Amino acid sequence: MAFLSVPLTQEPINTLEEVAKSGIPTASLFGSSYILGRKSANPWILQMADDHVAFYDSDVGLANYSRGELVLYQSRQFLENEIRTKLTDQ
């Protein structure tokens, strides 16, 4: 299962169609979501995969997300690990 974390925008983004049309690229660690996205039958996911970028340092990816430069397209495990290691003492 993957999650989309969308930065704050002037107009809220709530659907895959809105993500695909927003002009904000999706991004994932090592491009893992690109590989999965290219196998989808959903046209909006295919369009998001076309604009997908990879990041190789989670801190850089999260910083770019925080600046509204990308939509995170990551697994639940990645997000839980980032929260656990960066925001708690676990």
PDB file of N, CA and C in Angstrom:
ATOM      1  N   MET A   1       0.842  -1.154   0.000  1.00  0.00           N
ATOM      2  CA  MET A   1       0.000   0.000   0.000  1.00  0.00           C
ATOM      3  C   MET A   1       0.896   1.228   0.000  1.00  0.00           C
ATOM      4  N   ALA A   2       0.538   2.206  -0.811  1.00  0.00           N
ATOM      5  CA  ALA A   2       1.290   3.455  -0.866  1.00  0.00           C
ATOM      6  C   ALA A   2       0.385   4.602  -0.445  1.00  0.00           C
ATOM      7  N   PHE A   3       1.010   5.639   0.048  1.00  0.00           N
ATOM      8  CA  PHE A   3       0.280   6.815   0.474  1.00  0.00           C
ATOM      9  C   PHE A   3       0.789   8.021  -0.291  1.00  0.00           C
ATOM     10  N   LEU A   4      -0.109   8.932  -0.628  1.00  0.00           N
ATOM     11  CA  LEU A   4       0.276  10.203  -1.219  1.00  0.00           C
ATOM     12  C   LEU A   4       0.199  11.259  -0.131  1.00  0.00           C
ATOM     13  N   SER A   5       1.279  11.972   0.079  1.00  0.00           N
ATOM     14  CA  SER A   5       1.300  13.094   1.016  1.00  0.00           C
ATOM     15  C   SER A   5       1.428  14.344   0.169  1.00  0.00           C
ATOM     16  N   VAL A   6       0.373  15.140   0.155  1.00  0.00           N
ATOM     17  CA  VAL A   6       0.288  16.284  -0.741  1.00  0.00           C
ATOM     18  C   VAL A   6       0.580  17.560   0.040  1.00  0.00           C
ATOM     19  N   PRO A   7       1.487  18.424  -0.474  1.00  0.00           N
ATOM     20  CA  PRO A   7       1.771  19.675   0.216  1.00  0.00           C
ATOM     21  C   PRO A   7       0.567  20.610   0.161  1.00  0.00           C
ATOM     22  N   LEU A   8       0.547  21.581   1.042  1.00  0.00           N
ATOM     23  CA  LEU A   8      -0.522  22.575   1.029  1.00  0.00           C
ATOM     24  C   LEU A   8      -0.425  23.387  -0.260  1.00  0.00           C
ATOM     25  N   THR A   9      -1.557  23.588  -0.903  1.00  0.00           N
ATOM     26  CA  THR A   9      -1.615  24.370  -2.131  1.00  0.00           C
ATOM     27  C   THR A   9      -2.749  25.369  -2.007  1.00  0.00           C
ATOM     28  N   GLN A  10      -2.790  26.320  -2.943  1.00  0.00           N
ATOM     29  CA  GLN A  10      -3.876  27.307  -2.925  1.00  0.00           C
ATOM     30  C   GLN A  10      -5.235  26.609  -2.969  1.00  0.00           C
ATOM     31  N   GLU A  11      -5.370  25.664  -3.884  1.00  0.00           N
ATOM     32  CA  GLU A  11      -6.584  24.860  -3.990  1.00  0.00           C
ATOM     33  C   GLU A  11      -6.260  23.476  -3.445  1.00  0.00           C
ATOM     34  N   PRO A  12      -7.065  22.952  -2.529  1.00  0.00           N
ATOM     35  CA  PRO A  12      -6.786  21.616  -1.981  1.00  0.00           C
ATOM     36  C   PRO A  12      -6.719  20.553  -3.077  1.00  0.00           C
ATOM     37  N   ILE A  13      -5.832  19.592  -2.910  1.00  0.00           N
ATOM     38  CA  ILE A  13      -5.703  18.459  -3.819  1.00  0.00           C
ATOM     39  C   ILE A  13      -6.213  17.233  -3.073  1.00  0.00           C
ATOM     40  N   ASN A  14      -7.275  16.616  -3.615  1.00  0.00           N
ATOM     41  CA  ASN A  14      -7.927  15.518  -2.908  1.00  0.00           C
ATOM     42  C   ASN A  14      -8.030  14.224  -3.697  1.00  0.00           C
ATOM     43  N   THR A  15      -7.769  14.262  -4.993  1.00  0.00           N
ATOM     44  CA  THR A  15      -7.952  13.064  -5.803  1.00  0.00           C
ATOM     45  C   THR A  15      -6.696  12.794  -6.639  1.00  0.00           C
ATOM     46  N   LEU A  16      -6.606  11.571  -7.167  1.00  0.00           N
ATOM     47  CA  LEU A  16      -5.498  11.244  -8.062  1.00  0.00           C
ATOM     48  C   LEU A  16      -5.520  12.140  -9.292  1.00  0.00           C
ATOM     49  N   GLU A  17      -6.694  12.420  -9.809  1.00  0.00           N
ATOM     50  CA  GLU A  17      -6.811  13.303 -10.971  1.00  0.00           C
ATOM     51  C   GLU A  17      -6.234  14.681 -10.654  1.00  0.00           C
ATOM     52  N   GLU A  18      -6.562  15.219  -9.479  1.00  0.00           N
ATOM     53  CA  GLU A  18      -6.048  16.531  -9.095  1.00  0.00           C
ATOM     54  C   GLU A  18      -4.534  16.511  -8.917  1.00  0.00           C
ATOM     55  N   VAL A  19      -3.997  15.414  -8.375  1.00  0.00           N
ATOM     56  CA  VAL A  19      -2.535  15.291  -8.260  1.00  0.00           C
ATOM     57  C   VAL A  19      -1.920  15.303  -9.658  1.00  0.00           C
ATOM     58  N   ALA A  20      -2.470  14.485 -10.560  1.00  0.00           N
ATOM     59  CA  ALA A  20      -1.918  14.371 -11.910  1.00  0.00           C
ATOM     60  C   ALA A  20      -1.970  15.708 -12.650  1.00  0.00           C
ATOM     61  N   LYS A  21      -3.017  16.490 -12.435  1.00  0.00           N
ATOM     62  CA  LYS A  21      -3.192  17.764 -13.135  1.00  0.00           C
ATOM     63  C   LYS A  21      -2.516  18.943 -12.427  1.00  0.00           C
ATOM     64  N   SER A  22      -2.003  18.726 -11.226  1.00  0.00           N
ATOM     65  CA  SER A  22      -1.475  19.834 -10.420  1.00  0.00           C
ATOM     66  C   SER A  22      -0.161  20.406 -10.939  1.00  0.00           C
ATOM     67  N   GLY A  23       0.589  19.608 -11.681  1.00  0.00           N
ATOM     68  CA  GLY A  23       1.911  20.052 -12.110  1.00  0.00           C
ATOM     69  C   GLY A  23       2.985  19.815 -11.065  1.00  0.00           C
ATOM     70  N   ILE A  24       2.601  19.303  -9.894  1.00  0.00           N
ATOM     71  CA  ILE A  24       3.571  18.968  -8.847  1.00  0.00           C
ATOM     72  C   ILE A  24       3.958  17.506  -9.044  1.00  0.00           C
ATOM     73  N   PRO A  25       5.229  17.207  -9.275  1.00  0.00           N
ATOM     74  CA  PRO A  25       5.597  15.814  -9.519  1.00  0.00           C
ATOM     75  C   PRO A  25       5.478  14.967  -8.262  1.00  0.00           C
ATOM     76  N   THR A  26       5.182  13.683  -8.474  1.00  0.00           N
ATOM     77  CA  THR A  26       5.260  12.738  -7.370  1.00  0.00           C
ATOM     78  C   THR A  26       6.717  12.301  -7.246  1.00  0.00           C
ATOM     79  N   ALA A  27       7.074  11.840  -6.063  1.00  0.00           N
ATOM     80  CA  ALA A  27       8.452  11.409  -5.818  1.00  0.00           C
ATOM     81  C   ALA A  27       8.456  10.296  -4.790  1.00  0.00           C
ATOM     82  N   SER A  28       9.445   9.414  -4.921  1.00  0.00           N
ATOM     83  CA  SER A  28       9.617   8.337  -3.950  1.00  0.00           C
ATOM     84  C   SER A  28      11.091   8.027  -3.799  1.00  0.00           C
ATOM     85  N   LEU A  29      11.413   7.426  -2.667  1.00  0.00           N
ATOM     86  CA  LEU A  29      12.783   7.025  -2.388  1.00  0.00           C
ATOM     87  C   LEU A  29      13.217   5.980  -3.414  1.00  0.00           C
ATOM     88  N   PHE A  30      14.280   6.249  -4.132  1.00  0.00           N
ATOM     89  CA  PHE A  30      14.836   5.379  -5.178  1.00  0.00           C
ATOM     90  C   PHE A  30      13.877   5.153  -6.348  1.00  0.00           C
ATOM     91  N   GLY A  31      12.798   5.924  -6.446  1.00  0.00           N
ATOM     92  CA  GLY A  31      11.868   5.773  -7.559  1.00  0.00           C
ATOM     93  C   GLY A  31      10.989   4.545  -7.491  1.00  0.00           C
ATOM     94  N   SER A  32      10.855   3.959  -6.313  1.00  0.00           N
ATOM     95  CA  SER A  32      10.105   2.709  -6.166  1.00  0.00           C
ATOM     96  C   SER A  32       8.655   2.833  -6.615  1.00  0.00           C
ATOM     97  N   SER A  33       8.021   3.958  -6.362  1.00  0.00           N
ATOM     98  CA  SER A  33       6.619   4.119  -6.750  1.00  0.00           C
ATOM     99  C   SER A  33       6.467   4.285  -8.258  1.00  0.00           C
ATOM    100  N   TYR A  34       7.516   4.748  -8.927  1.00  0.00           N
ATOM    101  CA  TYR A  34       7.473   4.836 -10.388  1.00  0.00           C
ATOM    102  C   TYR A  34       7.293   3.451 -10.987  1.00  0.00           C
ATOM    103  N   ILE A  35       8.042   2.496 -10.490  1.00  0.00           N
ATOM    104  CA  ILE A  35       7.982   1.130 -11.015  1.00  0.00           C
ATOM    105  C   ILE A  35       6.570   0.573 -10.865  1.00  0.00           C
ATOM    106  N   LEU A  36       5.975   0.756  -9.693  1.00  0.00           N
ATOM    107  CA  LEU A  36       4.617   0.273  -9.454  1.00  0.00           C
ATOM    108  C   LEU A  36       3.603   1.061 -10.280  1.00  0.00           C
ATOM    109  N   GLY A  37       3.800   2.363 -10.377  1.00  0.00           N
ATOM    110  CA  GLY A  37       2.867   3.215 -11.117  1.00  0.00           C
ATOM    111  C   GLY A  37       2.779   2.860 -12.584  1.00  0.00           C
ATOM    112  N   ARG A  38       3.884   2.452 -13.190  1.00  0.00           N
ATOM    113  CA  ARG A  38       3.896   2.101 -14.612  1.00  0.00           C
ATOM    114  C   ARG A  38       3.094   0.838 -14.886  1.00  0.00           C
ATOM    115  N   LYS A  39       2.778   0.061 -13.872  1.00  0.00           N
ATOM    116  CA  LYS A  39       2.018  -1.182 -14.041  1.00  0.00           C
ATOM    117  C   LYS A  39       0.520  -0.987 -13.809  1.00  0.00           C
ATOM    118  N   SER A  40       0.115   0.229 -13.459  1.00  0.00           N
ATOM    119  CA  SER A  40      -1.277   0.494 -13.116  1.00  0.00           C
ATOM    120  C   SER A  40      -2.152   0.624 -14.373  1.00  0.00           C
ATOM    121  N   ALA A  41      -3.414   0.262 -14.235  1.00  0.00           N
ATOM    122  CA  ALA A  41      -4.396   0.472 -15.298  1.00  0.00           C
ATOM    123  C   ALA A  41      -5.076   1.834 -15.153  1.00  0.00           C
ATOM    124  N   ASN A  42      -4.849   2.505 -14.019  1.00  0.00           N
ATOM    125  CA  ASN A  42      -5.479   3.792 -13.763  1.00  0.00           C
ATOM    126  C   ASN A  42      -4.753   4.880 -14.561  1.00  0.00           C
ATOM    127  N   PRO A  43      -5.459   5.611 -15.424  1.00  0.00           N
ATOM    128  CA  PRO A  43      -4.790   6.620 -16.253  1.00  0.00           C
ATOM    129  C   PRO A  43      -4.149   7.745 -15.448  1.00  0.00           C
ATOM    130  N   TRP A  44      -4.711   8.077 -14.298  1.00  0.00           N
ATOM    131  CA  TRP A  44      -4.129   9.163 -13.482  1.00  0.00           C
ATOM    132  C   TRP A  44      -2.827   8.713 -12.842  1.00  0.00           C
ATOM    133  N   ILE A  45      -2.755   7.461 -12.409  1.00  0.00           N
ATOM    134  CA  ILE A  45      -1.506   6.934 -11.844  1.00  0.00           C
ATOM    135  C   ILE A  45      -0.441   6.839 -12.932  1.00  0.00           C
ATOM    136  N   LEU A  46      -0.842   6.432 -14.135  1.00  0.00           N
ATOM    137  CA  LEU A  46       0.107   6.397 -15.253  1.00  0.00           C
ATOM    138  C   LEU A  46       0.651   7.788 -15.556  1.00  0.00           C
ATOM    139  N   GLN A  47      -0.218   8.795 -15.528  1.00  0.00           N
ATOM    140  CA  GLN A  47       0.242  10.174 -15.767  1.00  0.00           C
ATOM    141  C   GLN A  47       1.176  10.642 -14.654  1.00  0.00           C
ATOM    142  N   MET A  48       0.856  10.299 -13.410  1.00  0.00           N
ATOM    143  CA  MET A  48       1.738  10.665 -12.297  1.00  0.00           C
ATOM    144  C   MET A  48       3.095   9.992 -12.457  1.00  0.00           C
ATOM    145  N   ALA A  49       3.102   8.740 -12.930  1.00  0.00           N
ATOM    146  CA  ALA A  49       4.369   8.028 -13.133  1.00  0.00           C
ATOM    147  C   ALA A  49       5.222   8.724 -14.186  1.00  0.00           C
ATOM    148  N   ASP A  50       4.591   9.303 -15.205  1.00  0.00           N
ATOM    149  CA  ASP A  50       5.345  10.015 -16.248  1.00  0.00           C
ATOM    150  C   ASP A  50       6.139  11.185 -15.680  1.00  0.00           C
ATOM    151  N   ASP A  51       5.605  11.835 -14.642  1.00  0.00           N
ATOM    152  CA  ASP A  51       6.263  13.004 -14.043  1.00  0.00           C
ATOM    153  C   ASP A  51       7.013  12.661 -12.758  1.00  0.00           C
ATOM    154  N   HIS A  52       7.111  11.378 -12.442  1.00  0.00           N
ATOM    155  CA  HIS A  52       7.686  10.930 -11.172  1.00  0.00           C
ATOM    156  C   HIS A  52       9.195  11.179 -11.120  1.00  0.00           C
ATOM    157  N   VAL A  53       9.668  11.574  -9.945  1.00  0.00           N
ATOM    158  CA  VAL A  53      11.107  11.748  -9.731  1.00  0.00           C
ATOM    159  C   VAL A  53      11.537  10.882  -8.548  1.00  0.00           C
ATOM    160  N   ALA A  54      12.776  10.487  -8.563  1.00  0.00           N
ATOM    161  CA  ALA A  54      13.332   9.694  -7.467  1.00  0.00           C
ATOM    162  C   ALA A  54      14.181  10.591  -6.581  1.00  0.00           C
ATOM    163  N   PHE A  55      14.205  10.288  -5.299  1.00  0.00           N
ATOM    164  CA  PHE A  55      15.174  10.928  -4.409  1.00  0.00           C
ATOM    165  C   PHE A  55      15.933   9.832  -3.685  1.00  0.00           C
ATOM    166  N   TYR A  56      17.163  10.129  -3.329  1.00  0.00           N
ATOM    167  CA  TYR A  56      18.056   9.107  -2.771  1.00  0.00           C
ATOM    168  C   TYR A  56      18.465   9.403  -1.335  1.00  0.00           C
ATOM    169  N   ASP A  57      17.939  10.473  -0.795  1.00  0.00           N
ATOM    170  CA  ASP A  57      18.191  10.867   0.584  1.00  0.00           C
ATOM    171  C   ASP A  57      16.840  11.285   1.150  1.00  0.00           C
ATOM    172  N   SER A  58      16.346  10.552   2.134  1.00  0.00           N
ATOM    173  CA  SER A  58      15.001  10.836   2.644  1.00  0.00           C
ATOM    174  C   SER A  58      14.885  12.240   3.216  1.00  0.00           C
ATOM    175  N   ASP A  59      15.952  12.766   3.812  1.00  0.00           N
ATOM    176  CA  ASP A  59      15.888  14.135   4.346  1.00  0.00           C
ATOM    177  C   ASP A  59      15.685  15.156   3.237  1.00  0.00           C
ATOM    178  N   VAL A  60      16.344  14.952   2.108  1.00  0.00           N
ATOM    179  CA  VAL A  60      16.176  15.856   0.959  1.00  0.00           C
ATOM    180  C   VAL A  60      14.755  15.744   0.413  1.00  0.00           C
ATOM    181  N   GLY A  61      14.264  14.517   0.257  1.00  0.00           N
ATOM    182  CA  GLY A  61      12.904  14.321  -0.233  1.00  0.00           C
ATOM    183  C   GLY A  61      11.865  14.958   0.668  1.00  0.00           C
ATOM    184  N   LEU A  62      12.011  14.781   1.968  1.00  0.00           N
ATOM    185  CA  LEU A  62      11.057  15.379   2.914  1.00  0.00           C
ATOM    186  C   LEU A  62      11.164  16.905   2.921  1.00  0.00           C
ATOM    187  N   ALA A  63      12.370  17.445   2.771  1.00  0.00           N
ATOM    188  CA  ALA A  63      12.539  18.904   2.702  1.00  0.00           C
ATOM    189  C   ALA A  63      11.869  19.453   1.442  1.00  0.00           C
ATOM    190  N   ASN A  64      12.047  18.772   0.307  1.00  0.00           N
ATOM    191  CA  ASN A  64      11.396  19.219  -0.931  1.00  0.00           C
ATOM    192  C   ASN A  64       9.882  19.146  -0.811  1.00  0.00           C
ATOM    193  N   TYR A  65       9.382  18.108  -0.153  1.00  0.00           N
ATOM    194  CA  TYR A  65       7.946  18.004   0.106  1.00  0.00           C
ATOM    195  C   TYR A  65       7.479  19.173   0.977  1.00  0.00           C
ATOM    196  N   SER A  66       8.241  19.488   2.017  1.00  0.00           N
ATOM    197  CA  SER A  66       7.866  20.564   2.936  1.00  0.00           C
ATOM    198  C   SER A  66       7.791  21.913   2.224  1.00  0.00           C
ATOM    199  N   ARG A  67       8.596  22.097   1.184  1.00  0.00           N
ATOM    200  CA  ARG A  67       8.572  23.340   0.403  1.00  0.00           C
ATOM    201  C   ARG A  67       7.499  23.312  -0.684  1.00  0.00           C
ATOM    202  N   GLY A  68       6.740  22.222  -0.768  1.00  0.00           N
ATOM    203  CA  GLY A  68       5.673  22.123  -1.758  1.00  0.00           C
ATOM    204  C   GLY A  68       6.153  21.796  -3.152  1.00  0.00           C
ATOM    205  N   GLU A  69       7.362  21.244  -3.268  1.00  0.00           N
ATOM    206  CA  GLU A  69       7.943  20.971  -4.578  1.00  0.00           C
ATOM    207  C   GLU A  69       7.589  19.588  -5.113  1.00  0.00           C
ATOM    208  N   LEU A  70       7.043  18.720  -4.284  1.00  0.00           N
ATOM    209  CA  LEU A  70       6.686  17.386  -4.749  1.00  0.00           C
ATOM    210  C   LEU A  70       5.608  16.789  -3.867  1.00  0.00           C
ATOM    211  N   VAL A  71       4.967  15.765  -4.407  1.00  0.00           N
ATOM    212  CA  VAL A  71       3.985  14.962  -3.688  1.00  0.00           C
ATOM    213  C   VAL A  71       4.680  13.655  -3.327  1.00  0.00           C
ATOM    214  N   LEU A  72       4.756  13.343  -2.049  1.00  0.00           N
ATOM    215  CA  LEU A  72       5.373  12.083  -1.639  1.00  0.00           C
ATOM    216  C   LEU A  72       4.467  10.928  -2.016  1.00  0.00           C
ATOM    217  N   TYR A  73       5.043   9.908  -2.609  1.00  0.00           N
ATOM    218  CA  TYR A  73       4.317   8.705  -3.023  1.00  0.00           C
ATOM    219  C   TYR A  73       5.109   7.539  -2.444  1.00  0.00           C
ATOM    220  N   GLN A  74       4.832   7.222  -1.184  1.00  0.00           N
ATOM    221  CA  GLN A  74       5.653   6.267  -0.421  1.00  0.00           C
ATOM    222  C   GLN A  74       4.817   5.209   0.255  1.00  0.00           C
ATOM    223  N   SER A  75       5.492   4.144   0.640  1.00  0.00           N
ATOM    224  CA  SER A  75       4.836   3.073   1.378  1.00  0.00           C
ATOM    225  C   SER A  75       4.553   3.517   2.811  1.00  0.00           C
ATOM    226  N   ARG A  76       3.615   2.864   3.404  1.00  0.00           N
ATOM    227  CA  ARG A  76       3.287   3.134   4.804  1.00  0.00           C
ATOM    228  C   ARG A  76       4.498   2.865   5.707  1.00  0.00           C
ATOM    229  N   GLN A  77       5.246   1.804   5.401  1.00  0.00           N
ATOM    230  CA  GLN A  77       6.418   1.456   6.214  1.00  0.00           C
ATOM    231  C   GLN A  77       7.454   2.582   6.194  1.00  0.00           C
ATOM    232  N   PHE A  78       7.682   3.177   5.027  1.00  0.00           N
ATOM    233  CA  PHE A  78       8.628   4.291   4.934  1.00  0.00           C
ATOM    234  C   PHE A  78       8.177   5.442   5.827  1.00  0.00           C
ATOM    235  N   LEU A  79       6.901   5.820   5.698  1.00  0.00           N
ATOM    236  CA  LEU A  79       6.395   6.952   6.477  1.00  0.00           C
ATOM    237  C   LEU A  79       6.426   6.658   7.976  1.00  0.00           C
ATOM    238  N   GLU A  80       6.044   5.442   8.375  1.00  0.00           N
ATOM    239  CA  GLU A  80       6.087   5.086   9.793  1.00  0.00           C
ATOM    240  C   GLU A  80       7.520   5.104  10.319  1.00  0.00           C
ATOM    241  N   ASN A  81       8.464   4.625   9.517  1.00  0.00           N
ATOM    242  CA  ASN A  81       9.869   4.641   9.936  1.00  0.00           C
ATOM    243  C   ASN A  81      10.385   6.072  10.074  1.00  0.00           C
ATOM    244  N   GLU A  82      10.043   6.946   9.150  1.00  0.00           N
ATOM    245  CA  GLU A  82      10.475   8.343   9.234  1.00  0.00           C
ATOM    246  C   GLU A  82       9.903   9.013  10.481  1.00  0.00           C
ATOM    247  N   ILE A  83       8.639   8.758  10.764  1.00  0.00           N
ATOM    248  CA  ILE A  83       8.022   9.324  11.977  1.00  0.00           C
ATOM    249  C   ILE A  83       8.700   8.771  13.224  1.00  0.00           C
ATOM    250  N   ARG A  84       8.895   7.456  13.244  1.00  0.00           N
ATOM    251  CA  ARG A  84       9.489   6.803  14.429  1.00  0.00           C
ATOM    252  C   ARG A  84      10.912   7.293  14.678  1.00  0.00           C
ATOM    253  N   THR A  85      11.718   7.378  13.628  1.00  0.00           N
ATOM    254  CA  THR A  85      13.128   7.735  13.832  1.00  0.00           C
ATOM    255  C   THR A  85      13.371   9.229  13.986  1.00  0.00           C
ATOM    256  N   LYS A  86      12.511  10.045  13.411  1.00  0.00           N
ATOM    257  CA  LYS A  86      12.741  11.493  13.448  1.00  0.00           C
ATOM    258  C   LYS A  86      11.893  12.243  14.478  1.00  0.00           C
ATOM    259  N   LEU A  87      10.758  11.649  14.855  1.00  0.00           N
ATOM    260  CA  LEU A  87       9.840  12.385  15.717  1.00  0.00           C
ATOM    261  C   LEU A  87       9.591  11.722  17.076  1.00  0.00           C
ATOM    262  N   THR A  88      10.164  10.537  17.296  1.00  0.00           N
ATOM    263  CA  THR A  88      10.000   9.879  18.589  1.00  0.00           C
ATOM    264  C   THR A  88      11.353   9.356  19.051  1.00  0.00           C
ATOM    265  N   ASP A  89      11.391   8.748  20.218  1.00  0.00           N
ATOM    266  CA  ASP A  89      12.647   8.178  20.715  1.00  0.00           C
ATOM    267  C   ASP A  89      12.698   6.665  20.484  1.00  0.00           C
ATOM    268  N   GLN A  90      11.902   6.147  19.584  1.00  0.00           N
ATOM    269  CA  GLN A  90      11.859   4.698  19.288  1.00  0.00           C
ATOM    270  C   GLN A  90      12.921   4.327  18.266  1.00  0.00           C
TER     271      GLN A  90
END
